[in-house]
Each structure stands twice: as C-alpha cells, then as structure tokens.
Amino acid sequence: MNTPISCEFYDQLMVAIERKIPSTIVYLENEQSSTVKGVVTTLTMIEYEEFLILQGGKKINLQTIFSFNGKKHKER
C-alpha cells in the first residue's frame, strides 16, 4: 500500500521543476539506497503510482524517495 505524499514534498518538487533546480535525490533502488543528481522535468502517473522524471528520462517512484535536496521525507 502506498503512503500519501506530503503537500510540502509536492511543493518542493514543483519549485524544483519550475525553476529547473539541479536536485539531489536519495531513494531505494533494488533494495539499496541510491543517490542521483539531476534536474526534475515533470511528475507523472504510471499504473497508479507517481513518478518524477529527470532530464535524460530516468524515472523515480515517489514512494521510494528518502530525501530530496537534503530534506528527509521518510525513514530508510
């Protein structure tokens, strides 16, 4: 079951998209913590799950994100 994404997190994502802010994202990938840096271009729904899309096309499920630009969103 997916947990709701906070409004504050959405606000951060929208500001990063609108201002094209280079961002650092720490998330879970293949059961391991991964870090990626890039510019978020959009948010999208894929099969009832929310993803952010980075320049270059990388997709990250919002449910897997631990921190965005140094701000923690959930525990690992």
C-alpha atoms as a PDB file:
ATOM      1  CA  MET A   1       0.000   0.000   0.000  1.00  0.00           C
ATOM      2  CA  ASN A   2       1.255   3.442  -0.904  1.00  0.00           C
ATOM      3  CA  THR A   3       1.556   6.096   1.755  1.00  0.00           C
ATOM      4  CA  PRO A   4       0.379   9.610   0.918  1.00  0.00           C
ATOM      5  CA  ILE A   5       2.992  12.096  -0.267  1.00  0.00           C
ATOM      6  CA  SER A   6       3.034  15.262   1.823  1.00  0.00           C
ATOM      7  CA  CYS A   7       1.947  18.581   0.350  1.00  0.00           C
ATOM      8  CA  GLU A   8       5.298  20.042   1.414  1.00  0.00           C
ATOM      9  CA  PHE A   9       7.133  17.418  -0.660  1.00  0.00           C
ATOM     10  CA  TYR A  10       4.941  18.179  -3.701  1.00  0.00           C
ATOM     11  CA  ASP A  11       5.639  21.881  -3.235  1.00  0.00           C
ATOM     12  CA  GLN A  12       9.399  21.220  -3.204  1.00  0.00           C
ATOM     13  CA  LEU A  13       9.119  19.142  -6.358  1.00  0.00           C
ATOM     14  CA  MET A  14       7.055  21.784  -8.161  1.00  0.00           C
ATOM     15  CA  VAL A  15       9.525  24.569  -7.286  1.00  0.00           C
ATOM     16  CA  ALA A  16      12.424  22.388  -8.497  1.00  0.00           C
ATOM     17  CA  ILE A  17      10.575  21.716 -11.775  1.00  0.00           C
ATOM     18  CA  GLU A  18       9.540  25.328 -12.371  1.00  0.00           C
ATOM     19  CA  ARG A  19      12.982  26.769 -11.585  1.00  0.00           C
ATOM     20  CA  LYS A  20      14.945  23.888 -13.158  1.00  0.00           C
ATOM     21  CA  ILE A  21      16.912  23.466  -9.920  1.00  0.00           C
ATOM     22  CA  PRO A  22      19.609  20.765 -10.026  1.00  0.00           C
ATOM     23  CA  SER A  23      18.494  18.323  -7.328  1.00  0.00           C
ATOM     24  CA  THR A  24      19.979  15.508  -5.257  1.00  0.00           C
ATOM     25  CA  ILE A  25      17.628  12.587  -4.678  1.00  0.00           C
ATOM     26  CA  VAL A  26      18.263   9.672  -2.303  1.00  0.00           C
ATOM     27  CA  TYR A  27      15.943   6.751  -2.973  1.00  0.00           C
ATOM     28  CA  LEU A  28      15.580   2.973  -2.764  1.00  0.00           C
ATOM     29  CA  GLU A  29      16.567   1.056  -5.903  1.00  0.00           C
ATOM     30  CA  ASN A  30      16.839  -2.745  -5.960  1.00  0.00           C
ATOM     31  CA  GLU A  31      16.611  -2.780  -2.143  1.00  0.00           C
ATOM     32  CA  GLN A  32      19.661  -0.499  -1.824  1.00  0.00           C
ATOM     33  CA  SER A  33      19.991   3.216  -1.194  1.00  0.00           C
ATOM     34  CA  SER A  34      20.952   5.129  -4.334  1.00  0.00           C
ATOM     35  CA  THR A  35      21.727   8.786  -4.943  1.00  0.00           C
ATOM     36  CA  VAL A  36      21.179  10.630  -8.197  1.00  0.00           C
ATOM     37  CA  LYS A  37      21.698  14.258  -9.163  1.00  0.00           C
ATOM     38  CA  GLY A  38      19.749  15.915 -11.940  1.00  0.00           C
ATOM     39  CA  VAL A  39      17.006  18.295 -12.983  1.00  0.00           C
ATOM     40  CA  VAL A  40      13.437  17.102 -12.429  1.00  0.00           C
ATOM     41  CA  THR A  41      11.413  17.821 -15.566  1.00  0.00           C
ATOM     42  CA  THR A  42       7.956  16.524 -14.655  1.00  0.00           C
ATOM     43  CA  LEU A  43       5.765  14.373 -12.406  1.00  0.00           C
ATOM     44  CA  THR A  44       3.654  11.604 -13.920  1.00  0.00           C
ATOM     45  CA  MET A  45       1.401   8.677 -13.023  1.00  0.00           C
ATOM     46  CA  ILE A  46       2.336   5.206 -14.265  1.00  0.00           C
ATOM     47  CA  GLU A  47      -0.055   2.381 -13.384  1.00  0.00           C
ATOM     48  CA  TYR A  48      -1.482   4.250 -10.359  1.00  0.00           C
ATOM     49  CA  GLU A  49       1.953   5.182  -8.971  1.00  0.00           C
ATOM     50  CA  GLU A  50       3.561   8.624  -9.010  1.00  0.00           C
ATOM     51  CA  PHE A  51       6.995   9.141 -10.560  1.00  0.00           C
ATOM     52  CA  LEU A  52       9.304  12.060 -11.076  1.00  0.00           C
ATOM     53  CA  ILE A  53      11.144  12.203 -14.387  1.00  0.00           C
ATOM     54  CA  LEU A  54      14.683  13.576 -14.611  1.00  0.00           C
ATOM     55  CA  GLN A  55      16.318  15.124 -17.660  1.00  0.00           C
ATOM     56  CA  GLY A  56      17.567  12.162 -19.630  1.00  0.00           C
ATOM     57  CA  GLY A  57      14.431  10.161 -18.854  1.00  0.00           C
ATOM     58  CA  LYS A  58      15.244   8.453 -15.536  1.00  0.00           C
ATOM     59  CA  LYS A  59      12.036   7.671 -13.618  1.00  0.00           C
ATOM     60  CA  ILE A  60      11.935   7.509  -9.808  1.00  0.00           C
ATOM     61  CA  ASN A  61       8.866   6.359  -7.884  1.00  0.00           C
ATOM     62  CA  LEU A  62       7.940   8.999  -5.280  1.00  0.00           C
ATOM     63  CA  GLN A  63       7.275   6.213  -2.758  1.00  0.00           C
ATOM     64  CA  THR A  64      10.963   5.214  -2.852  1.00  0.00           C
ATOM     65  CA  ILE A  65      12.426   8.672  -2.122  1.00  0.00           C
ATOM     66  CA  PHE A  66      14.078   9.168   1.272  1.00  0.00           C
ATOM     67  CA  SER A  67      15.342  12.706   0.756  1.00  0.00           C
ATOM     68  CA  PHE A  68      15.139  15.447  -1.825  1.00  0.00           C
ATOM     69  CA  ASN A  69      17.794  18.192  -1.807  1.00  0.00           C
ATOM     70  CA  GLY A  70      18.825  17.236   1.719  1.00  0.00           C
ATOM     71  CA  LYS A  71      15.324  17.298   3.191  1.00  0.00           C
ATOM     72  CA  LYS A  72      14.238  13.953   4.630  1.00  0.00           C
ATOM     73  CA  HIS A  73      10.826  12.662   3.536  1.00  0.00           C
ATOM     74  CA  LYS A  74      10.734   9.255   5.178  1.00  0.00           C
ATOM     75  CA  GLU A  75      12.916   6.830   7.112  1.00  0.00           C
ATOM     76  CA  ARG A  76      15.026   4.262   5.316  1.00  0.00           C
END
